[in-house]
Amino acid sequence: MIGQALQFGGSLAAILLLAWLARRLGLGGDPRLRDPDEARRLAGEALDGFEAQDVVLDRAGIGALLRDTSGRVMLLRRHGARWAARLLDGHAGVRLDRTFMTIATHDRTFGAITLDLGDQAQAWAGSLRRLG
């Protein structure tokens, strides 16, 4: 009986230690884009020289579309606890449904994402038709 109590106490202490360590290292979080400046910074880190002029954030903060002065458009999305980015080269994978825009890139490993762009969805969908 005492052995089982010690084993239970040791297991509980180990679990609490691992939970504390994960929190301390910032693991397992739920990253969200807080503002356009953060999206600009992430886009610049993803592609050297990409300086976003126009930015639209998903309402939930799970992704963004960014356009630079050259007219290139970048899709920024969560990939686990990190961020991934791809330049869009056409509008073939773009579908608009009211305020929701579903975007699929040619890179199958990147996958498709649906962004809630609010009242800016139609303007961005129209501008993406000029790509490619």
Protein backbone atom coordinates (compact mmCIF):
# COMPACT_ATOMS: atom_id res chain seq x y z
CA MET A 1 0.00 0.00 0.00
CA ILE A 2 2.80 2.43 0.88
CA GLY A 3 4.67 1.41 -2.27
CA GLN A 4 1.67 2.25 -4.44
CA ALA A 5 1.27 5.62 -2.73
CA LEU A 6 4.96 6.41 -3.32
CA GLN A 7 4.69 5.33 -6.94
CA PHE A 8 1.59 7.51 -7.43
CA GLY A 9 3.28 10.48 -5.74
CA GLY A 10 6.41 10.07 -7.87
CA SER A 11 4.35 9.84 -11.08
CA LEU A 12 2.36 12.92 -10.14
CA ALA A 13 5.54 14.86 -9.34
CA ALA A 14 7.07 13.84 -12.70
CA ILE A 15 3.95 14.94 -14.60
CA LEU A 16 3.89 18.29 -12.84
CA LEU A 17 7.60 18.78 -13.52
CA LEU A 18 7.13 18.06 -17.25
CA ALA A 19 4.13 20.40 -17.43
CA TRP A 20 6.13 23.17 -15.75
CA LEU A 21 9.08 22.59 -18.11
CA ALA A 22 6.84 22.67 -21.22
CA ARG A 23 5.26 25.93 -20.07
CA ARG A 24 8.67 27.42 -19.28
CA LEU A 25 9.94 26.53 -22.78
CA GLY A 26 6.79 27.91 -24.43
CA LEU A 27 5.81 24.57 -25.93
CA GLY A 28 2.28 23.65 -26.92
CA GLY A 29 0.98 27.16 -27.17
CA ASP A 30 -1.72 28.47 -29.47
CA PRO A 31 0.07 31.09 -31.59
CA ARG A 32 -2.11 33.82 -33.05
CA LEU A 33 -1.27 36.90 -35.05
CA ARG A 34 -1.91 39.88 -32.83
CA ASP A 35 -1.48 42.73 -35.31
CA PRO A 36 -0.31 43.58 -38.85
CA ASP A 37 3.18 44.49 -37.62
CA GLU A 38 3.71 40.96 -36.34
CA ALA A 39 2.55 39.56 -39.70
CA ARG A 40 4.97 41.91 -41.51
CA ARG A 41 7.85 40.77 -39.30
CA LEU A 42 7.07 37.08 -39.88
CA ALA A 43 6.78 37.61 -43.65
CA GLY A 44 10.14 39.40 -43.71
CA GLU A 45 11.70 36.49 -41.82
CA ALA A 46 10.17 33.97 -44.23
CA LEU A 47 11.37 35.72 -47.38
CA ASP A 48 14.30 38.08 -47.23
CA GLY A 49 13.43 41.41 -48.81
CA PHE A 50 9.66 40.99 -48.59
CA GLU A 51 8.33 44.26 -47.21
CA ALA A 52 4.55 44.10 -46.89
CA GLN A 53 2.56 47.22 -47.74
CA ASP A 54 -0.95 45.78 -47.45
CA VAL A 55 -1.92 43.27 -44.77
CA VAL A 56 -5.17 41.56 -43.94
CA LEU A 57 -5.41 39.32 -40.87
CA ASP A 58 -7.78 36.45 -40.32
CA ARG A 59 -10.23 37.39 -37.57
CA ALA A 60 -9.03 34.49 -35.41
CA GLY A 61 -5.37 35.31 -36.02
CA ILE A 62 -4.53 31.98 -37.68
CA GLY A 63 -3.25 33.48 -40.91
CA ALA A 64 -2.78 36.55 -43.07
CA LEU A 65 -2.38 37.76 -46.63
CA LEU A 66 0.33 40.30 -47.34
CA ARG A 67 1.19 42.27 -50.50
CA ASP A 68 4.49 44.02 -51.16
CA THR A 69 5.28 46.95 -53.45
CA SER A 70 6.12 44.57 -56.32
CA GLY A 71 2.61 43.12 -56.21
CA ARG A 72 3.71 39.77 -54.79
CA VAL A 73 1.22 38.22 -52.37
CA MET A 74 2.27 36.03 -49.47
CA LEU A 75 0.06 33.67 -47.52
CA LEU A 76 1.11 33.32 -43.89
CA ARG A 77 -0.40 30.52 -41.81
CA ARG A 78 0.14 28.54 -38.67
CA HIS A 79 1.99 25.28 -39.00
CA GLY A 80 1.81 23.65 -35.58
CA ALA A 81 3.31 26.06 -33.09
CA ARG A 82 5.22 27.95 -35.81
CA TRP A 83 4.43 30.00 -38.89
CA ALA A 84 4.84 29.05 -42.54
CA ALA A 85 4.65 31.29 -45.61
CA ARG A 86 4.26 30.84 -49.35
CA LEU A 87 4.13 33.30 -52.22
CA LEU A 88 0.96 32.93 -54.24
CA ASP A 89 1.55 32.57 -57.96
CA GLY A 90 -2.03 32.46 -59.18
CA HIS A 91 -5.67 32.54 -58.20
CA ALA A 92 -6.60 28.99 -59.26
CA GLY A 93 -6.71 27.72 -55.66
CA VAL A 94 -8.72 30.66 -54.29
CA ARG A 95 -12.40 30.33 -53.40
CA LEU A 96 -14.53 33.05 -51.80
CA ASP A 97 -17.63 32.42 -49.70
CA ARG A 98 -18.93 35.69 -48.21
CA THR A 99 -16.19 36.72 -45.76
CA PHE A 100 -14.33 33.41 -45.93
CA MET A 101 -11.53 32.86 -48.42
CA THR A 102 -10.15 29.37 -48.95
CA ILE A 103 -6.65 29.38 -50.40
CA ALA A 104 -4.76 26.35 -51.68
CA THR A 105 -1.22 26.69 -52.99
CA HIS A 106 0.54 24.49 -55.54
CA ASP A 107 2.61 23.12 -52.65
CA ARG A 108 0.52 20.17 -51.43
CA THR A 109 2.49 19.90 -48.20
CA PHE A 110 1.44 23.45 -47.32
CA GLY A 111 -2.21 22.51 -47.60
CA ALA A 112 -5.26 24.72 -47.91
CA ILE A 113 -6.50 27.22 -45.34
CA THR A 114 -9.74 29.11 -44.89
CA LEU A 115 -9.35 32.65 -43.61
CA ASP A 116 -12.13 34.86 -42.28
CA LEU A 117 -11.13 38.22 -43.75
CA GLY A 118 -14.30 40.09 -42.87
CA ASP A 119 -15.28 43.00 -45.10
CA GLN A 120 -11.89 42.92 -46.87
CA ALA A 121 -12.44 39.44 -48.34
CA GLN A 122 -13.99 40.58 -51.63
CA ALA A 123 -11.32 43.21 -52.30
CA TRP A 124 -8.52 40.72 -51.70
CA ALA A 125 -10.23 38.05 -53.81
CA GLY A 126 -10.51 40.53 -56.66
CA SER A 127 -6.87 41.50 -56.38
CA LEU A 128 -5.75 37.88 -56.40
CA ARG A 129 -7.40 37.41 -59.82
CA ARG A 130 -4.63 39.60 -61.23
CA LEU A 131 -1.94 37.17 -60.08
CA GLY A 132 -0.28 34.89 -62.62
